[in-house]
Amino acid sequence: MRVTEKGQVTIPKDIRDQLNIGPGSEVEFVTSEDKVFLVKAAQQDQFKDFREWADSVAGTFDAMGMTSDQYMEWLRGPRDDLDRG
């Protein structure tokens, strides 16, 4: 992907479709070290309540068959301060 003289890039269609980005959508650029991430800007009042948000993200997380404790250990690494015996 190449940046134009005006500093523009085209967001690929599959990414626009996945994030539901269309004309007039707000996006943000987030930097981390030498990387830049494009994220869809959070909309105020996008969801009426927590349940509506929870329903919208249901089934989007894959813990690879791990329990929550196993996943947290995989994510954070083993805890040396806990007695494993």
PDB file of N, CA and C in Angstrom:
ATOM      1  N   MET A   1       0.858  -1.153   0.000  1.00  0.00           N
ATOM      2  CA  MET A   1       0.000   0.000   0.000  1.00  0.00           C
ATOM      3  C   MET A   1       0.911   1.224   0.000  1.00  0.00           C
ATOM      4  N   ARG A   2       0.583   2.174  -0.804  1.00  0.00           N
ATOM      5  CA  ARG A   2       1.423   3.349  -0.974  1.00  0.00           C
ATOM      6  C   ARG A   2       0.674   4.601  -0.522  1.00  0.00           C
ATOM      7  N   VAL A   3       1.401   5.499   0.097  1.00  0.00           N
ATOM      8  CA  VAL A   3       0.837   6.779   0.532  1.00  0.00           C
ATOM      9  C   VAL A   3       0.941   7.765  -0.629  1.00  0.00           C
ATOM     10  N   THR A   4      -0.156   8.467  -0.907  1.00  0.00           N
ATOM     11  CA  THR A   4      -0.147   9.450  -1.996  1.00  0.00           C
ATOM     12  C   THR A   4       0.586  10.713  -1.557  1.00  0.00           C
ATOM     13  N   GLU A   5       0.797  11.622  -2.518  1.00  0.00           N
ATOM     14  CA  GLU A   5       1.449  12.897  -2.206  1.00  0.00           C
ATOM     15  C   GLU A   5       0.660  13.696  -1.177  1.00  0.00           C
ATOM     16  N   LYS A   6      -0.637  13.472  -1.124  1.00  0.00           N
ATOM     17  CA  LYS A   6      -1.483  14.176  -0.151  1.00  0.00           C
ATOM     18  C   LYS A   6      -1.541  13.453   1.195  1.00  0.00           C
ATOM     19  N   GLY A   7      -0.770  12.369   1.344  1.00  0.00           N
ATOM     20  CA  GLY A   7      -0.755  11.626   2.599  1.00  0.00           C
ATOM     21  C   GLY A   7      -1.930  10.684   2.764  1.00  0.00           C
ATOM     22  N   GLN A   8      -2.547  10.276   1.665  1.00  0.00           N
ATOM     23  CA  GLN A   8      -3.731   9.428   1.728  1.00  0.00           C
ATOM     24  C   GLN A   8      -3.393   7.979   1.386  1.00  0.00           C
ATOM     25  N   VAL A   9      -4.160   7.076   1.981  1.00  0.00           N
ATOM     26  CA  VAL A   9      -4.101   5.661   1.624  1.00  0.00           C
ATOM     27  C   VAL A   9      -5.533   5.180   1.471  1.00  0.00           C
ATOM     28  N   THR A  10      -5.710   4.107   0.729  1.00  0.00           N
ATOM     29  CA  THR A  10      -7.033   3.521   0.566  1.00  0.00           C
ATOM     30  C   THR A  10      -7.158   2.335   1.509  1.00  0.00           C
ATOM     31  N   ILE A  11      -8.208   2.328   2.321  1.00  0.00           N
ATOM     32  CA  ILE A  11      -8.462   1.197   3.208  1.00  0.00           C
ATOM     33  C   ILE A  11      -9.040   0.085   2.338  1.00  0.00           C
ATOM     34  N   PRO A  12      -8.410  -1.103   2.337  1.00  0.00           N
ATOM     35  CA  PRO A  12      -8.919  -2.189   1.495  1.00  0.00           C
ATOM     36  C   PRO A  12     -10.374  -2.521   1.806  1.00  0.00           C
ATOM     37  N   LYS A  13     -11.124  -2.906   0.775  1.00  0.00           N
ATOM     38  CA  LYS A  13     -12.557  -3.158   0.901  1.00  0.00           C
ATOM     39  C   LYS A  13     -12.881  -4.211   1.951  1.00  0.00           C
ATOM     40  N   ASP A  14     -12.086  -5.300   2.000  1.00  0.00           N
ATOM     41  CA  ASP A  14     -12.398  -6.339   2.985  1.00  0.00           C
ATOM     42  C   ASP A  14     -12.284  -5.807   4.415  1.00  0.00           C
ATOM     43  N   ILE A  15     -11.358  -4.904   4.663  1.00  0.00           N
ATOM     44  CA  ILE A  15     -11.232  -4.307   5.998  1.00  0.00           C
ATOM     45  C   ILE A  15     -12.376  -3.334   6.255  1.00  0.00           C
ATOM     46  N   ARG A  16     -12.727  -2.527   5.245  1.00  0.00           N
ATOM     47  CA  ARG A  16     -13.879  -1.615   5.402  1.00  0.00           C
ATOM     48  C   ARG A  16     -15.142  -2.401   5.696  1.00  0.00           C
ATOM     49  N   ASP A  17     -15.337  -3.511   4.995  1.00  0.00           N
ATOM     50  CA  ASP A  17     -16.521  -4.339   5.223  1.00  0.00           C
ATOM     51  C   ASP A  17     -16.504  -4.957   6.617  1.00  0.00           C
ATOM     52  N   GLN A  18     -15.345  -5.464   7.028  1.00  0.00           N
ATOM     53  CA  GLN A  18     -15.228  -6.111   8.333  1.00  0.00           C
ATOM     54  C   GLN A  18     -15.524  -5.134   9.473  1.00  0.00           C
ATOM     55  N   LEU A  19     -15.055  -3.894   9.350  1.00  0.00           N
ATOM     56  CA  LEU A  19     -15.255  -2.895  10.404  1.00  0.00           C
ATOM     57  C   LEU A  19     -16.474  -2.013  10.160  1.00  0.00           C
ATOM     58  N   ASN A  20     -17.208  -2.301   9.088  1.00  0.00           N
ATOM     59  CA  ASN A  20     -18.384  -1.507   8.734  1.00  0.00           C
ATOM     60  C   ASN A  20     -18.036  -0.021   8.608  1.00  0.00           C
ATOM     61  N   ILE A  21     -16.962   0.246   7.865  1.00  0.00           N
ATOM     62  CA  ILE A  21     -16.509   1.617   7.623  1.00  0.00           C
ATOM     63  C   ILE A  21     -17.011   2.038   6.255  1.00  0.00           C
ATOM     64  N   GLY A  22     -17.693   3.159   6.208  1.00  0.00           N
ATOM     65  CA  GLY A  22     -18.198   3.685   4.951  1.00  0.00           C
ATOM     66  C   GLY A  22     -17.985   5.184   4.894  1.00  0.00           C
ATOM     67  N   PRO A  23     -18.482   5.817   3.852  1.00  0.00           N
ATOM     68  CA  PRO A  23     -18.338   7.259   3.749  1.00  0.00           C
ATOM     69  C   PRO A  23     -18.882   7.954   5.006  1.00  0.00           C
ATOM     70  N   GLY A  24     -18.093   8.855   5.549  1.00  0.00           N
ATOM     71  CA  GLY A  24     -18.499   9.577   6.747  1.00  0.00           C
ATOM     72  C   GLY A  24     -18.115   8.897   8.049  1.00  0.00           C
ATOM     73  N   SER A  25     -17.615   7.653   7.981  1.00  0.00           N
ATOM     74  CA  SER A  25     -17.193   6.957   9.202  1.00  0.00           C
ATOM     75  C   SER A  25     -15.972   7.654   9.793  1.00  0.00           C
ATOM     76  N   GLU A  26     -15.889   7.647  11.106  1.00  0.00           N
ATOM     77  CA  GLU A  26     -14.743   8.217  11.799  1.00  0.00           C
ATOM     78  C   GLU A  26     -13.760   7.099  12.126  1.00  0.00           C
ATOM     79  N   VAL A  27     -12.486   7.321  11.841  1.00  0.00           N
ATOM     80  CA  VAL A  27     -11.436   6.371  12.190  1.00  0.00           C
ATOM     81  C   VAL A  27     -10.341   7.117  12.947  1.00  0.00           C
ATOM     82  N   GLU A  28      -9.532   6.363  13.664  1.00  0.00           N
ATOM     83  CA  GLU A  28      -8.414   6.943  14.398  1.00  0.00           C
ATOM     84  C   GLU A  28      -7.155   6.164  14.062  1.00  0.00           C
ATOM     85  N   PHE A  29      -6.024   6.827  14.141  1.00  0.00           N
ATOM     86  CA  PHE A  29      -4.739   6.175  13.987  1.00  0.00           C
ATOM     87  C   PHE A  29      -4.095   6.115  15.362  1.00  0.00           C
ATOM     88  N   VAL A  30      -3.691   4.905  15.755  1.00  0.00           N
ATOM     89  CA  VAL A  30      -3.066   4.679  17.054  1.00  0.00           C
ATOM     90  C   VAL A  30      -1.652   4.190  16.793  1.00  0.00           C
ATOM     91  N   THR A  31      -0.669   4.813  17.461  1.00  0.00           N
ATOM     92  CA  THR A  31       0.720   4.415  17.256  1.00  0.00           C
ATOM     93  C   THR A  31       1.235   3.633  18.449  1.00  0.00           C
ATOM     94  N   SER A  32       2.137   2.705  18.164  1.00  0.00           N
ATOM     95  CA  SER A  32       2.808   1.921  19.193  1.00  0.00           C
ATOM     96  C   SER A  32       4.195   1.604  18.665  1.00  0.00           C
ATOM     97  N   GLU A  33       5.210   2.224  19.263  1.00  0.00           N
ATOM     98  CA  GLU A  33       6.588   2.093  18.804  1.00  0.00           C
ATOM     99  C   GLU A  33       6.664   2.448  17.324  1.00  0.00           C
ATOM    100  N   ASP A  34       7.019   1.493  16.476  1.00  0.00           N
ATOM    101  CA  ASP A  34       7.160   1.791  15.052  1.00  0.00           C
ATOM    102  C   ASP A  34       5.980   1.293  14.229  1.00  0.00           C
ATOM    103  N   LYS A  35       4.817   1.108  14.888  1.00  0.00           N
ATOM    104  CA  LYS A  35       3.633   0.603  14.197  1.00  0.00           C
ATOM    105  C   LYS A  35       2.511   1.631  14.277  1.00  0.00           C
ATOM    106  N   VAL A  36       1.635   1.577  13.288  1.00  0.00           N
ATOM    107  CA  VAL A  36       0.440   2.420  13.271  1.00  0.00           C
ATOM    108  C   VAL A  36      -0.757   1.512  13.052  1.00  0.00           C
ATOM    109  N   PHE A  37      -1.798   1.699  13.863  1.00  0.00           N
ATOM    110  CA  PHE A  37      -3.020   0.907  13.758  1.00  0.00           C
ATOM    111  C   PHE A  37      -4.170   1.826  13.399  1.00  0.00           C
ATOM    112  N   LEU A  38      -5.004   1.372  12.480  1.00  0.00           N
ATOM    113  CA  LEU A  38      -6.228   2.076  12.127  1.00  0.00           C
ATOM    114  C   LEU A  38      -7.359   1.440  12.917  1.00  0.00           C
ATOM    115  N   VAL A  39      -8.092   2.248  13.662  1.00  0.00           N
ATOM    116  CA  VAL A  39      -9.224   1.729  14.424  1.00  0.00           C
ATOM    117  C   VAL A  39     -10.452   2.574  14.124  1.00  0.00           C
ATOM    118  N   LYS A  40     -11.578   1.918  14.128  1.00  0.00           N
ATOM    119  CA  LYS A  40     -12.827   2.646  13.945  1.00  0.00           C
ATOM    120  C   LYS A  40     -13.086   3.427  15.222  1.00  0.00           C
ATOM    121  N   ALA A  41     -13.359   4.710  15.094  1.00  0.00           N
ATOM    122  CA  ALA A  41     -13.584   5.552  16.266  1.00  0.00           C
ATOM    123  C   ALA A  41     -14.849   5.121  16.986  1.00  0.00           C
ATOM    124  N   ALA A  42     -14.772   5.121  18.297  1.00  0.00           N
ATOM    125  CA  ALA A  42     -15.941   4.764  19.105  1.00  0.00           C
ATOM    126  C   ALA A  42     -17.006   5.847  18.940  1.00  0.00           C
ATOM    127  N   GLN A  43     -18.214   5.402  18.777  1.00  0.00           N
ATOM    128  CA  GLN A  43     -19.325   6.343  18.641  1.00  0.00           C
ATOM    129  C   GLN A  43     -20.026   6.469  19.982  1.00  0.00           C
ATOM    130  N   GLN A  44     -20.309   7.678  20.375  1.00  0.00           N
ATOM    131  CA  GLN A  44     -21.065   7.897  21.599  1.00  0.00           C
ATOM    132  C   GLN A  44     -22.474   7.365  21.413  1.00  0.00           C
ATOM    133  N   ASP A  45     -22.982   6.747  22.448  1.00  0.00           N
ATOM    134  CA  ASP A  45     -24.351   6.232  22.432  1.00  0.00           C
ATOM    135  C   ASP A  45     -24.592   5.224  21.311  1.00  0.00           C
ATOM    136  N   GLN A  46     -23.553   4.489  20.935  1.00  0.00           N
ATOM    137  CA  GLN A  46     -23.718   3.495  19.886  1.00  0.00           C
ATOM    138  C   GLN A  46     -24.631   2.367  20.343  1.00  0.00           C
ATOM    139  N   PHE A  47     -24.559   2.026  21.641  1.00  0.00           N
ATOM    140  CA  PHE A  47     -25.387   0.964  22.189  1.00  0.00           C
ATOM    141  C   PHE A  47     -26.273   1.542  23.283  1.00  0.00           C
ATOM    142  N   LYS A  48     -27.493   1.036  23.362  1.00  0.00           N
ATOM    143  CA  LYS A  48     -28.426   1.524  24.382  1.00  0.00           C
ATOM    144  C   LYS A  48     -27.987   1.128  25.779  1.00  0.00           C
ATOM    145  N   ASP A  49     -27.451  -0.077  25.912  1.00  0.00           N
ATOM    146  CA  ASP A  49     -27.053  -0.550  27.231  1.00  0.00           C
ATOM    147  C   ASP A  49     -25.999  -1.636  27.099  1.00  0.00           C
ATOM    148  N   PHE A  50     -25.526  -2.129  28.237  1.00  0.00           N
ATOM    149  CA  PHE A  50     -24.482  -3.143  28.250  1.00  0.00           C
ATOM    150  C   PHE A  50     -24.925  -4.415  27.538  1.00  0.00           C
ATOM    151  N   ARG A  51     -26.148  -4.838  27.739  1.00  0.00           N
ATOM    152  CA  ARG A  51     -26.646  -6.071  27.123  1.00  0.00           C
ATOM    153  C   ARG A  51     -26.570  -5.975  25.598  1.00  0.00           C
ATOM    154  N   GLU A  52     -26.934  -4.837  25.043  1.00  0.00           N
ATOM    155  CA  GLU A  52     -26.867  -4.669  23.591  1.00  0.00           C
ATOM    156  C   GLU A  52     -25.424  -4.777  23.112  1.00  0.00           C
ATOM    157  N   TRP A  53     -24.492  -4.160  23.857  1.00  0.00           N
ATOM    158  CA  TRP A  53     -23.075  -4.272  23.504  1.00  0.00           C
ATOM    159  C   TRP A  53     -22.621  -5.734  23.602  1.00  0.00           C
ATOM    160  N   ALA A  54     -22.970  -6.393  24.713  1.00  0.00           N
ATOM    161  CA  ALA A  54     -22.553  -7.782  24.921  1.00  0.00           C
ATOM    162  C   ALA A  54     -23.075  -8.675  23.800  1.00  0.00           C
ATOM    163  N   ASP A  55     -24.315  -8.475  23.402  1.00  0.00           N
ATOM    164  CA  ASP A  55     -24.881  -9.256  22.299  1.00  0.00           C
ATOM    165  C   ASP A  55     -24.120  -8.994  20.998  1.00  0.00           C
ATOM    166  N   SER A  56     -23.649  -7.762  20.806  1.00  0.00           N
ATOM    167  CA  SER A  56     -22.964  -7.421  19.556  1.00  0.00           C
ATOM    168  C   SER A  56     -21.591  -8.075  19.450  1.00  0.00           C
ATOM    169  N   VAL A  57     -20.968  -8.408  20.593  1.00  0.00           N
ATOM    170  CA  VAL A  57     -19.645  -9.023  20.557  1.00  0.00           C
ATOM    171  C   VAL A  57     -19.673 -10.512  20.881  1.00  0.00           C
ATOM    172  N   ALA A  58     -20.856 -11.067  21.101  1.00  0.00           N
ATOM    173  CA  ALA A  58     -20.977 -12.493  21.432  1.00  0.00           C
ATOM    174  C   ALA A  58     -20.369 -13.343  20.327  1.00  0.00           C
ATOM    175  N   GLY A  59     -19.564 -14.321  20.731  1.00  0.00           N
ATOM    176  CA  GLY A  59     -18.962 -15.242  19.775  1.00  0.00           C
ATOM    177  C   GLY A  59     -17.749 -14.708  19.049  1.00  0.00           C
ATOM    178  N   THR A  60     -17.244 -13.533  19.432  1.00  0.00           N
ATOM    179  CA  THR A  60     -16.094 -12.967  18.728  1.00  0.00           C
ATOM    180  C   THR A  60     -14.769 -13.293  19.387  1.00  0.00           C
ATOM    181  N   PHE A  61     -14.790 -13.887  20.584  1.00  0.00           N
ATOM    182  CA  PHE A  61     -13.560 -14.203  21.300  1.00  0.00           C
ATOM    183  C   PHE A  61     -13.308 -15.706  21.251  1.00  0.00           C
ATOM    184  N   ASP A  62     -12.102 -16.081  20.867  1.00  0.00           N
ATOM    185  CA  ASP A  62     -11.736 -17.494  20.797  1.00  0.00           C
ATOM    186  C   ASP A  62     -10.611 -17.745  21.784  1.00  0.00           C
ATOM    187  N   ALA A  63     -10.902 -18.435  22.890  1.00  0.00           N
ATOM    188  CA  ALA A  63      -9.898 -18.742  23.906  1.00  0.00           C
ATOM    189  C   ALA A  63      -9.144 -20.026  23.578  1.00  0.00           C
ATOM    190  N   MET A  64      -9.288 -20.527  22.371  1.00  0.00           N
ATOM    191  CA  MET A  64      -8.568 -21.712  21.895  1.00  0.00           C
ATOM    192  C   MET A  64      -8.796 -22.917  22.802  1.00  0.00           C
ATOM    193  N   GLY A  65      -9.999 -23.026  23.365  1.00  0.00           N
ATOM    194  CA  GLY A  65     -10.351 -24.163  24.197  1.00  0.00           C
ATOM    195  C   GLY A  65      -9.843 -24.097  25.622  1.00  0.00           C
ATOM    196  N   MET A  66      -9.208 -22.985  25.999  1.00  0.00           N
ATOM    197  CA  MET A  66      -8.669 -22.854  27.352  1.00  0.00           C
ATOM    198  C   MET A  66      -9.727 -22.334  28.314  1.00  0.00           C
ATOM    199  N   THR A  67      -9.574 -22.702  29.590  1.00  0.00           N
ATOM    200  CA  THR A  67     -10.416 -22.091  30.623  1.00  0.00           C
ATOM    201  C   THR A  67      -9.941 -20.658  30.813  1.00  0.00           C
ATOM    202  N   SER A  68     -10.709 -19.860  31.548  1.00  0.00           N
ATOM    203  CA  SER A  68     -10.295 -18.477  31.766  1.00  0.00           C
ATOM    204  C   SER A  68      -8.963 -18.409  32.513  1.00  0.00           C
ATOM    205  N   ASP A  69      -8.750 -19.296  33.498  1.00  0.00           N
ATOM    206  CA  ASP A  69      -7.476 -19.308  34.228  1.00  0.00           C
ATOM    207  C   ASP A  69      -6.316 -19.701  33.305  1.00  0.00           C
ATOM    208  N   GLN A  70      -6.529 -20.711  32.478  1.00  0.00           N
ATOM    209  CA  GLN A  70      -5.488 -21.123  31.541  1.00  0.00           C
ATOM    210  C   GLN A  70      -5.177 -20.009  30.552  1.00  0.00           C
ATOM    211  N   TYR A  71      -6.216 -19.326  30.074  1.00  0.00           N
ATOM    212  CA  TYR A  71      -6.013 -18.247  29.118  1.00  0.00           C
ATOM    213  C   TYR A  71      -5.226 -17.100  29.758  1.00  0.00           C
ATOM    214  N   MET A  72      -5.570 -16.738  30.997  1.00  0.00           N
ATOM    215  CA  MET A  72      -4.865 -15.643  31.664  1.00  0.00           C
ATOM    216  C   MET A  72      -3.395 -16.011  31.876  1.00  0.00           C
ATOM    217  N   GLU A  73      -3.112 -17.269  32.226  1.00  0.00           N
ATOM    218  CA  GLU A  73      -1.711 -17.681  32.388  1.00  0.00           C
ATOM    219  C   GLU A  73      -0.995 -17.648  31.050  1.00  0.00           C
ATOM    220  N   TRP A  74      -1.659 -18.086  29.989  1.00  0.00           N
ATOM    221  CA  TRP A  74      -1.059 -18.031  28.654  1.00  0.00           C
ATOM    222  C   TRP A  74      -0.784 -16.580  28.265  1.00  0.00           C
ATOM    223  N   LEU A  75      -1.725 -15.698  28.562  1.00  0.00           N
ATOM    224  CA  LEU A  75      -1.602 -14.292  28.195  1.00  0.00           C
ATOM    225  C   LEU A  75      -0.519 -13.592  29.007  1.00  0.00           C
ATOM    226  N   ARG A  76      -0.521 -13.786  30.316  1.00  0.00           N
ATOM    227  CA  ARG A  76       0.390 -13.071  31.209  1.00  0.00           C
ATOM    228  C   ARG A  76       1.682 -13.818  31.513  1.00  0.00           C
ATOM    229  N   GLY A  77       1.678 -15.123  31.335  1.00  0.00           N
ATOM    230  CA  GLY A  77       2.816 -15.937  31.732  1.00  0.00           C
ATOM    231  C   GLY A  77       2.566 -16.471  33.138  1.00  0.00           C
ATOM    232  N   PRO A  78       3.374 -17.457  33.544  1.00  0.00           N
ATOM    233  CA  PRO A  78       3.168 -18.047  34.873  1.00  0.00           C
ATOM    234  C   PRO A  78       3.442 -17.018  35.978  1.00  0.00           C
ATOM    235  N   ARG A  79       2.721 -17.179  37.077  1.00  0.00           N
ATOM    236  CA  ARG A  79       2.892 -16.269  38.220  1.00  0.00           C
ATOM    237  C   ARG A  79       3.815 -16.924  39.234  1.00  0.00           C
ATOM    238  N   ASP A  80       4.923 -16.271  39.503  1.00  0.00           N
ATOM    239  CA  ASP A  80       5.903 -16.784  40.447  1.00  0.00           C
ATOM    240  C   ASP A  80       5.463 -16.599  41.897  1.00  0.00           C
ATOM    241  N   ASP A  81       4.477 -15.719  42.125  1.00  0.00           N
ATOM    242  CA  ASP A  81       4.070 -15.425  43.483  1.00  0.00           C
ATOM    243  C   ASP A  81       3.001 -16.397  43.994  1.00  0.00           C
ATOM    244  N   LEU A  82       2.589 -17.361  43.196  1.00  0.00           N
ATOM    245  CA  LEU A  82       1.574 -18.321  43.620  1.00  0.00           C
ATOM    246  C   LEU A  82       2.219 -19.672  43.921  1.00  0.00           C
ATOM    247  N   ASP A  83       1.770 -20.302  44.983  1.00  0.00           N
ATOM    248  CA  ASP A  83       2.257 -21.636  45.336  1.00  0.00           C
ATOM    249  C   ASP A  83       1.514 -22.654  44.476  1.00  0.00           C
ATOM    250  N   ARG A  84       2.233 -23.353  43.609  1.00  0.00           N
ATOM    251  CA  ARG A  84       1.617 -24.302  42.679  1.00  0.00           C
ATOM    252  C   ARG A  84       1.463 -25.690  43.290  1.00  0.00           C
ATOM    253  N   GLY A  85       1.915 -25.888  44.538  1.00  0.00           N
ATOM    254  CA  GLY A  85       1.915 -27.203  45.149  1.00  0.00           C
ATOM    255  C   GLY A  85       0.658 -27.569  45.765  1.00  0.00           C
TER     256      GLY A  85
END
